[in-house]
Amino acid sequence: MYIAEAHAADEWPINSTRCAGPGNSVRRPTNLAERTALARQMVEALRLGEDGPPVYADGLDDAFLETYAAWPVRVFGIGRDGRLARLAQPEAATFQLPPLREWLLAELGRGVTRV
């Protein structure tokens, strides 16, 4: 789920030229088409590709963010039935991602390979 822009250049410009960091051109969207375009940019930047998980964009009312306390970082697993199936929250400033990874691979019908 692509949620509100964490450090939009026009709202909270941490890590931008206004704060002596690298330039950040992402601005808070004013309509759903702009937020969806930003979500697509994220998919490309993270190289999730066509085989990656589906990505959804939260509405401008930030209903998902507010309902599920998605900020600053939460990891969610949405099952094939469209329901929230997994929720990972940080503990001691870190995530235990292997259980989520194993669930995701099982949900995608792929075997878990340990390396």
N, C-alpha and C. Protein backbone atom coordinates (compact mmCIF):
# COMPACT_ATOMS: atom_id res chain seq x y z
N MET A 1 0.86 -1.17 0.00
CA MET A 1 0.00 0.00 0.00
C MET A 1 0.90 1.23 0.00
N TYR A 2 0.71 2.05 -0.99
CA TYR A 2 1.45 3.31 -1.04
C TYR A 2 0.63 4.32 -0.24
N ILE A 3 1.24 4.84 0.83
CA ILE A 3 0.53 5.78 1.70
C ILE A 3 1.10 7.18 1.54
N ALA A 4 0.75 8.07 2.42
CA ALA A 4 1.18 9.47 2.36
C ALA A 4 2.70 9.58 2.21
N GLU A 5 3.13 10.56 1.48
CA GLU A 5 4.53 10.79 1.23
C GLU A 5 5.19 11.22 2.54
N ALA A 6 6.16 10.46 2.99
CA ALA A 6 6.77 10.69 4.31
C ALA A 6 7.47 12.04 4.41
N HIS A 7 8.14 12.44 3.38
CA HIS A 7 8.91 13.69 3.44
C HIS A 7 8.73 14.48 2.15
N ALA A 8 7.48 14.78 1.85
CA ALA A 8 7.19 15.56 0.64
C ALA A 8 7.94 16.89 0.70
N ALA A 9 8.47 17.29 -0.44
CA ALA A 9 9.29 18.50 -0.51
C ALA A 9 8.53 19.75 -0.09
N ASP A 10 7.21 19.74 -0.26
CA ASP A 10 6.43 20.93 0.07
C ASP A 10 5.73 20.83 1.44
N GLU A 11 6.00 19.76 2.19
CA GLU A 11 5.31 19.60 3.46
C GLU A 11 6.26 19.34 4.63
N TRP A 12 7.09 18.33 4.53
CA TRP A 12 8.02 17.98 5.60
C TRP A 12 9.34 17.61 4.94
N PRO A 13 10.12 18.63 4.54
CA PRO A 13 11.23 18.43 3.61
C PRO A 13 12.51 17.86 4.19
N ILE A 14 12.44 16.90 5.08
CA ILE A 14 13.66 16.24 5.54
C ILE A 14 14.26 15.52 4.35
N ASN A 15 15.56 15.55 4.22
CA ASN A 15 16.28 14.93 3.11
C ASN A 15 15.97 15.66 1.80
N SER A 16 15.92 16.98 1.87
CA SER A 16 15.73 17.76 0.65
C SER A 16 16.69 18.94 0.67
N THR A 17 16.74 19.65 -0.42
CA THR A 17 17.65 20.79 -0.51
C THR A 17 17.33 21.86 0.53
N ARG A 18 16.05 21.94 0.97
CA ARG A 18 15.70 22.92 2.02
C ARG A 18 16.35 22.57 3.34
N CYS A 19 16.81 21.32 3.49
CA CYS A 19 17.47 20.88 4.72
C CYS A 19 18.91 20.45 4.44
N ALA A 20 19.50 20.99 3.40
CA ALA A 20 20.90 20.74 3.01
C ALA A 20 21.16 19.28 2.66
N GLY A 21 20.16 18.57 2.18
CA GLY A 21 20.33 17.18 1.74
C GLY A 21 20.12 17.08 0.25
N PRO A 22 20.08 15.86 -0.26
CA PRO A 22 19.82 15.71 -1.70
C PRO A 22 18.43 16.21 -2.06
N GLY A 23 18.28 16.66 -3.28
CA GLY A 23 17.01 17.21 -3.72
C GLY A 23 15.89 16.18 -3.72
N ASN A 24 14.73 16.57 -3.25
CA ASN A 24 13.55 15.72 -3.24
C ASN A 24 12.48 16.43 -4.06
N SER A 25 12.09 15.83 -5.17
CA SER A 25 11.10 16.49 -6.03
C SER A 25 9.67 16.01 -5.76
N VAL A 26 9.51 15.05 -4.86
CA VAL A 26 8.17 14.52 -4.57
C VAL A 26 7.40 15.54 -3.74
N ARG A 27 6.26 15.94 -4.27
CA ARG A 27 5.38 16.88 -3.58
C ARG A 27 4.11 16.14 -3.19
N ARG A 28 3.46 16.61 -2.14
CA ARG A 28 2.21 15.99 -1.70
C ARG A 28 1.19 16.08 -2.84
N PRO A 29 0.60 14.96 -3.25
CA PRO A 29 -0.35 15.00 -4.37
C PRO A 29 -1.62 15.76 -4.00
N THR A 30 -2.24 16.33 -5.01
CA THR A 30 -3.49 17.06 -4.80
C THR A 30 -4.69 16.29 -5.32
N ASN A 31 -4.43 15.14 -5.98
CA ASN A 31 -5.52 14.30 -6.46
C ASN A 31 -5.03 12.86 -6.52
N LEU A 32 -5.97 11.93 -6.67
CA LEU A 32 -5.63 10.51 -6.65
C LEU A 32 -4.75 10.11 -7.83
N ALA A 33 -4.92 10.74 -8.97
CA ALA A 33 -4.08 10.43 -10.13
C ALA A 33 -2.61 10.73 -9.83
N GLU A 34 -2.33 11.83 -9.13
CA GLU A 34 -0.96 12.17 -8.77
C GLU A 34 -0.40 11.15 -7.78
N ARG A 35 -1.20 10.73 -6.78
CA ARG A 35 -0.72 9.75 -5.81
C ARG A 35 -0.46 8.41 -6.51
N THR A 36 -1.33 8.02 -7.42
CA THR A 36 -1.15 6.78 -8.15
C THR A 36 0.13 6.83 -8.99
N ALA A 37 0.40 7.97 -9.59
CA ALA A 37 1.63 8.13 -10.37
C ALA A 37 2.86 7.99 -9.46
N LEU A 38 2.79 8.53 -8.25
CA LEU A 38 3.90 8.38 -7.30
C LEU A 38 4.07 6.92 -6.88
N ALA A 39 2.96 6.22 -6.72
CA ALA A 39 3.03 4.79 -6.38
C ALA A 39 3.73 4.03 -7.50
N ARG A 40 3.42 4.36 -8.75
CA ARG A 40 4.07 3.71 -9.89
C ARG A 40 5.58 4.01 -9.91
N GLN A 41 5.94 5.25 -9.58
CA GLN A 41 7.36 5.60 -9.50
C GLN A 41 8.06 4.76 -8.44
N MET A 42 7.37 4.54 -7.30
CA MET A 42 7.94 3.72 -6.23
C MET A 42 8.16 2.29 -6.72
N VAL A 43 7.17 1.73 -7.41
CA VAL A 43 7.28 0.36 -7.93
C VAL A 43 8.50 0.26 -8.86
N GLU A 44 8.68 1.25 -9.71
CA GLU A 44 9.83 1.26 -10.63
C GLU A 44 11.13 1.40 -9.86
N ALA A 45 11.18 2.32 -8.90
CA ALA A 45 12.41 2.56 -8.14
C ALA A 45 12.81 1.33 -7.33
N LEU A 46 11.84 0.61 -6.80
CA LEU A 46 12.13 -0.59 -6.01
C LEU A 46 12.27 -1.84 -6.88
N ARG A 47 12.09 -1.66 -8.18
CA ARG A 47 12.21 -2.75 -9.15
C ARG A 47 11.33 -3.94 -8.77
N LEU A 48 10.08 -3.65 -8.43
CA LEU A 48 9.15 -4.71 -8.06
C LEU A 48 8.68 -5.48 -9.29
N GLY A 49 8.67 -4.84 -10.44
CA GLY A 49 8.37 -5.51 -11.69
C GLY A 49 6.95 -6.03 -11.81
N GLU A 50 6.66 -6.58 -12.95
CA GLU A 50 5.33 -7.10 -13.23
C GLU A 50 5.01 -8.34 -12.41
N ASP A 51 6.03 -9.10 -12.01
CA ASP A 51 5.81 -10.30 -11.22
C ASP A 51 5.74 -10.02 -9.72
N GLY A 52 5.93 -8.77 -9.36
CA GLY A 52 5.92 -8.41 -7.95
C GLY A 52 4.50 -8.38 -7.38
N PRO A 53 4.41 -8.07 -6.13
CA PRO A 53 3.09 -8.02 -5.49
C PRO A 53 2.28 -6.84 -6.02
N PRO A 54 0.96 -6.94 -5.99
CA PRO A 54 0.16 -5.77 -6.39
C PRO A 54 0.38 -4.63 -5.41
N VAL A 55 0.38 -3.43 -5.92
CA VAL A 55 0.56 -2.24 -5.07
C VAL A 55 -0.67 -1.37 -5.23
N TYR A 56 -1.20 -0.92 -4.10
CA TYR A 56 -2.38 -0.08 -4.08
C TYR A 56 -2.01 1.28 -3.51
N ALA A 57 -2.75 2.29 -3.87
CA ALA A 57 -2.51 3.64 -3.36
C ALA A 57 -3.63 4.03 -2.41
N ASP A 58 -3.25 4.53 -1.23
CA ASP A 58 -4.22 5.03 -0.26
C ASP A 58 -4.88 6.28 -0.85
N GLY A 59 -6.10 6.54 -0.47
CA GLY A 59 -6.79 7.74 -0.92
C GLY A 59 -6.19 8.99 -0.31
N LEU A 60 -6.57 10.12 -0.83
CA LEU A 60 -6.04 11.38 -0.30
C LEU A 60 -6.51 11.65 1.13
N ASP A 61 -7.55 10.95 1.57
CA ASP A 61 -8.00 11.09 2.96
C ASP A 61 -7.13 10.28 3.92
N ASP A 62 -6.17 9.52 3.37
CA ASP A 62 -5.24 8.71 4.16
C ASP A 62 -5.96 7.72 5.08
N ALA A 63 -7.07 7.17 4.63
CA ALA A 63 -7.88 6.27 5.45
C ALA A 63 -7.11 5.02 5.87
N PHE A 64 -6.35 4.41 4.94
CA PHE A 64 -5.58 3.21 5.29
C PHE A 64 -4.53 3.57 6.33
N LEU A 65 -3.80 4.64 6.08
CA LEU A 65 -2.76 5.08 7.00
C LEU A 65 -3.33 5.28 8.40
N GLU A 66 -4.44 5.97 8.50
CA GLU A 66 -5.05 6.27 9.80
C GLU A 66 -5.65 5.02 10.45
N THR A 67 -6.33 4.20 9.70
CA THR A 67 -7.00 3.02 10.25
C THR A 67 -6.01 2.00 10.78
N TYR A 68 -4.91 1.77 10.04
CA TYR A 68 -3.97 0.72 10.39
C TYR A 68 -2.65 1.23 10.97
N ALA A 69 -2.58 2.50 11.33
CA ALA A 69 -1.36 3.07 11.92
C ALA A 69 -0.13 2.70 11.09
N ALA A 70 -0.22 2.97 9.81
CA ALA A 70 0.81 2.52 8.87
C ALA A 70 2.08 3.36 8.90
N TRP A 71 2.06 4.49 9.54
CA TRP A 71 3.25 5.34 9.58
C TRP A 71 3.88 5.26 10.95
N PRO A 72 5.18 5.21 11.11
CA PRO A 72 6.18 5.41 10.08
C PRO A 72 6.46 4.15 9.26
N VAL A 73 6.42 2.98 9.86
CA VAL A 73 6.69 1.77 9.11
C VAL A 73 5.85 0.62 9.67
N ARG A 74 5.11 -0.02 8.83
CA ARG A 74 4.43 -1.26 9.16
C ARG A 74 4.51 -2.13 7.90
N VAL A 75 4.51 -3.42 8.07
CA VAL A 75 4.53 -4.33 6.94
C VAL A 75 3.26 -5.17 7.03
N PHE A 76 2.47 -5.13 5.96
CA PHE A 76 1.18 -5.82 5.92
C PHE A 76 1.21 -6.90 4.86
N GLY A 77 0.50 -7.97 5.12
CA GLY A 77 0.28 -9.00 4.13
C GLY A 77 -1.20 -9.11 3.85
N ILE A 78 -1.58 -8.90 2.61
CA ILE A 78 -2.98 -8.99 2.20
C ILE A 78 -3.15 -10.34 1.51
N GLY A 79 -4.07 -11.16 2.01
CA GLY A 79 -4.29 -12.49 1.46
C GLY A 79 -4.97 -12.44 0.10
N ARG A 80 -5.04 -13.58 -0.53
CA ARG A 80 -5.68 -13.68 -1.84
C ARG A 80 -7.15 -13.27 -1.79
N ASP A 81 -7.75 -13.40 -0.61
CA ASP A 81 -9.16 -13.03 -0.46
C ASP A 81 -9.34 -11.52 -0.25
N GLY A 82 -8.23 -10.76 -0.28
CA GLY A 82 -8.30 -9.31 -0.13
C GLY A 82 -8.35 -8.84 1.31
N ARG A 83 -8.19 -9.76 2.26
CA ARG A 83 -8.24 -9.39 3.68
C ARG A 83 -6.83 -9.30 4.26
N LEU A 84 -6.71 -8.46 5.29
CA LEU A 84 -5.45 -8.34 6.00
C LEU A 84 -5.15 -9.67 6.67
N ALA A 85 -4.02 -10.27 6.31
CA ALA A 85 -3.67 -11.59 6.83
C ALA A 85 -2.45 -11.57 7.75
N ARG A 86 -1.57 -10.62 7.56
CA ARG A 86 -0.36 -10.53 8.37
C ARG A 86 -0.06 -9.06 8.65
N LEU A 87 0.46 -8.80 9.83
CA LEU A 87 0.87 -7.46 10.20
C LEU A 87 2.16 -7.57 10.99
N ALA A 88 3.21 -6.96 10.48
CA ALA A 88 4.49 -6.94 11.18
C ALA A 88 4.72 -5.53 11.70
N GLN A 89 5.04 -5.44 12.96
CA GLN A 89 5.36 -4.15 13.56
C GLN A 89 6.78 -4.22 14.10
N PRO A 90 7.47 -3.11 14.09
CA PRO A 90 8.86 -3.15 14.56
C PRO A 90 8.94 -3.40 16.06
N GLU A 91 9.95 -4.16 16.43
CA GLU A 91 10.29 -4.36 17.83
C GLU A 91 11.77 -4.05 17.96
N ALA A 92 12.12 -3.22 18.93
CA ALA A 92 13.51 -2.81 19.14
C ALA A 92 14.10 -2.26 17.84
N ALA A 93 13.30 -1.47 17.13
CA ALA A 93 13.71 -0.77 15.91
C ALA A 93 14.08 -1.71 14.77
N THR A 94 13.49 -2.91 14.73
CA THR A 94 13.75 -3.84 13.64
C THR A 94 12.53 -4.72 13.41
N PHE A 95 12.49 -5.38 12.27
CA PHE A 95 11.41 -6.30 11.92
C PHE A 95 11.94 -7.72 11.89
N GLN A 96 11.11 -8.66 12.24
CA GLN A 96 11.40 -10.07 12.03
C GLN A 96 10.71 -10.43 10.71
N LEU A 97 11.43 -10.30 9.62
CA LEU A 97 10.84 -10.49 8.30
C LEU A 97 10.73 -11.94 7.84
N PRO A 98 11.54 -12.89 8.32
CA PRO A 98 11.39 -14.26 7.82
C PRO A 98 9.97 -14.83 7.93
N PRO A 99 9.24 -14.66 9.03
CA PRO A 99 7.87 -15.19 9.04
C PRO A 99 6.98 -14.57 7.96
N LEU A 100 7.13 -13.28 7.71
CA LEU A 100 6.35 -12.62 6.67
C LEU A 100 6.76 -13.12 5.29
N ARG A 101 8.04 -13.30 5.09
CA ARG A 101 8.53 -13.82 3.82
C ARG A 101 7.98 -15.23 3.56
N GLU A 102 8.03 -16.08 4.57
CA GLU A 102 7.52 -17.44 4.41
C GLU A 102 6.03 -17.43 4.10
N TRP A 103 5.28 -16.57 4.78
CA TRP A 103 3.85 -16.46 4.50
C TRP A 103 3.63 -16.00 3.06
N LEU A 104 4.38 -14.97 2.63
CA LEU A 104 4.22 -14.43 1.29
C LEU A 104 4.53 -15.48 0.23
N LEU A 105 5.61 -16.22 0.40
CA LEU A 105 5.94 -17.26 -0.57
C LEU A 105 4.86 -18.33 -0.62
N ALA A 106 4.33 -18.71 0.54
CA ALA A 106 3.24 -19.70 0.56
C ALA A 106 2.00 -19.13 -0.11
N GLU A 107 1.71 -17.86 0.13
CA GLU A 107 0.54 -17.22 -0.46
C GLU A 107 0.67 -17.14 -1.98
N LEU A 108 1.88 -16.98 -2.46
CA LEU A 108 2.13 -16.92 -3.91
C LEU A 108 2.26 -18.31 -4.52
N GLY A 109 2.21 -19.33 -3.67
CA GLY A 109 2.31 -20.70 -4.17
C GLY A 109 3.72 -21.11 -4.53
N ARG A 110 4.69 -20.48 -3.91
CA ARG A 110 6.10 -20.81 -4.17
C ARG A 110 6.68 -21.46 -2.92
N GLY A 111 7.56 -22.38 -3.12
CA GLY A 111 8.21 -23.03 -1.99
C GLY A 111 9.19 -22.10 -1.31
N VAL A 112 9.44 -22.33 -0.06
CA VAL A 112 10.40 -21.54 0.70
C VAL A 112 11.75 -22.20 0.56
N THR A 113 12.74 -21.44 0.09
CA THR A 113 14.08 -21.94 -0.07
C THR A 113 14.99 -21.20 0.90
N ARG A 114 15.59 -21.94 1.77
CA ARG A 114 16.52 -21.33 2.73
C ARG A 114 17.90 -21.24 2.10
N VAL A 115 18.56 -20.12 2.30
CA VAL A 115 19.91 -19.96 1.76
C VAL A 115 20.88 -19.68 2.87
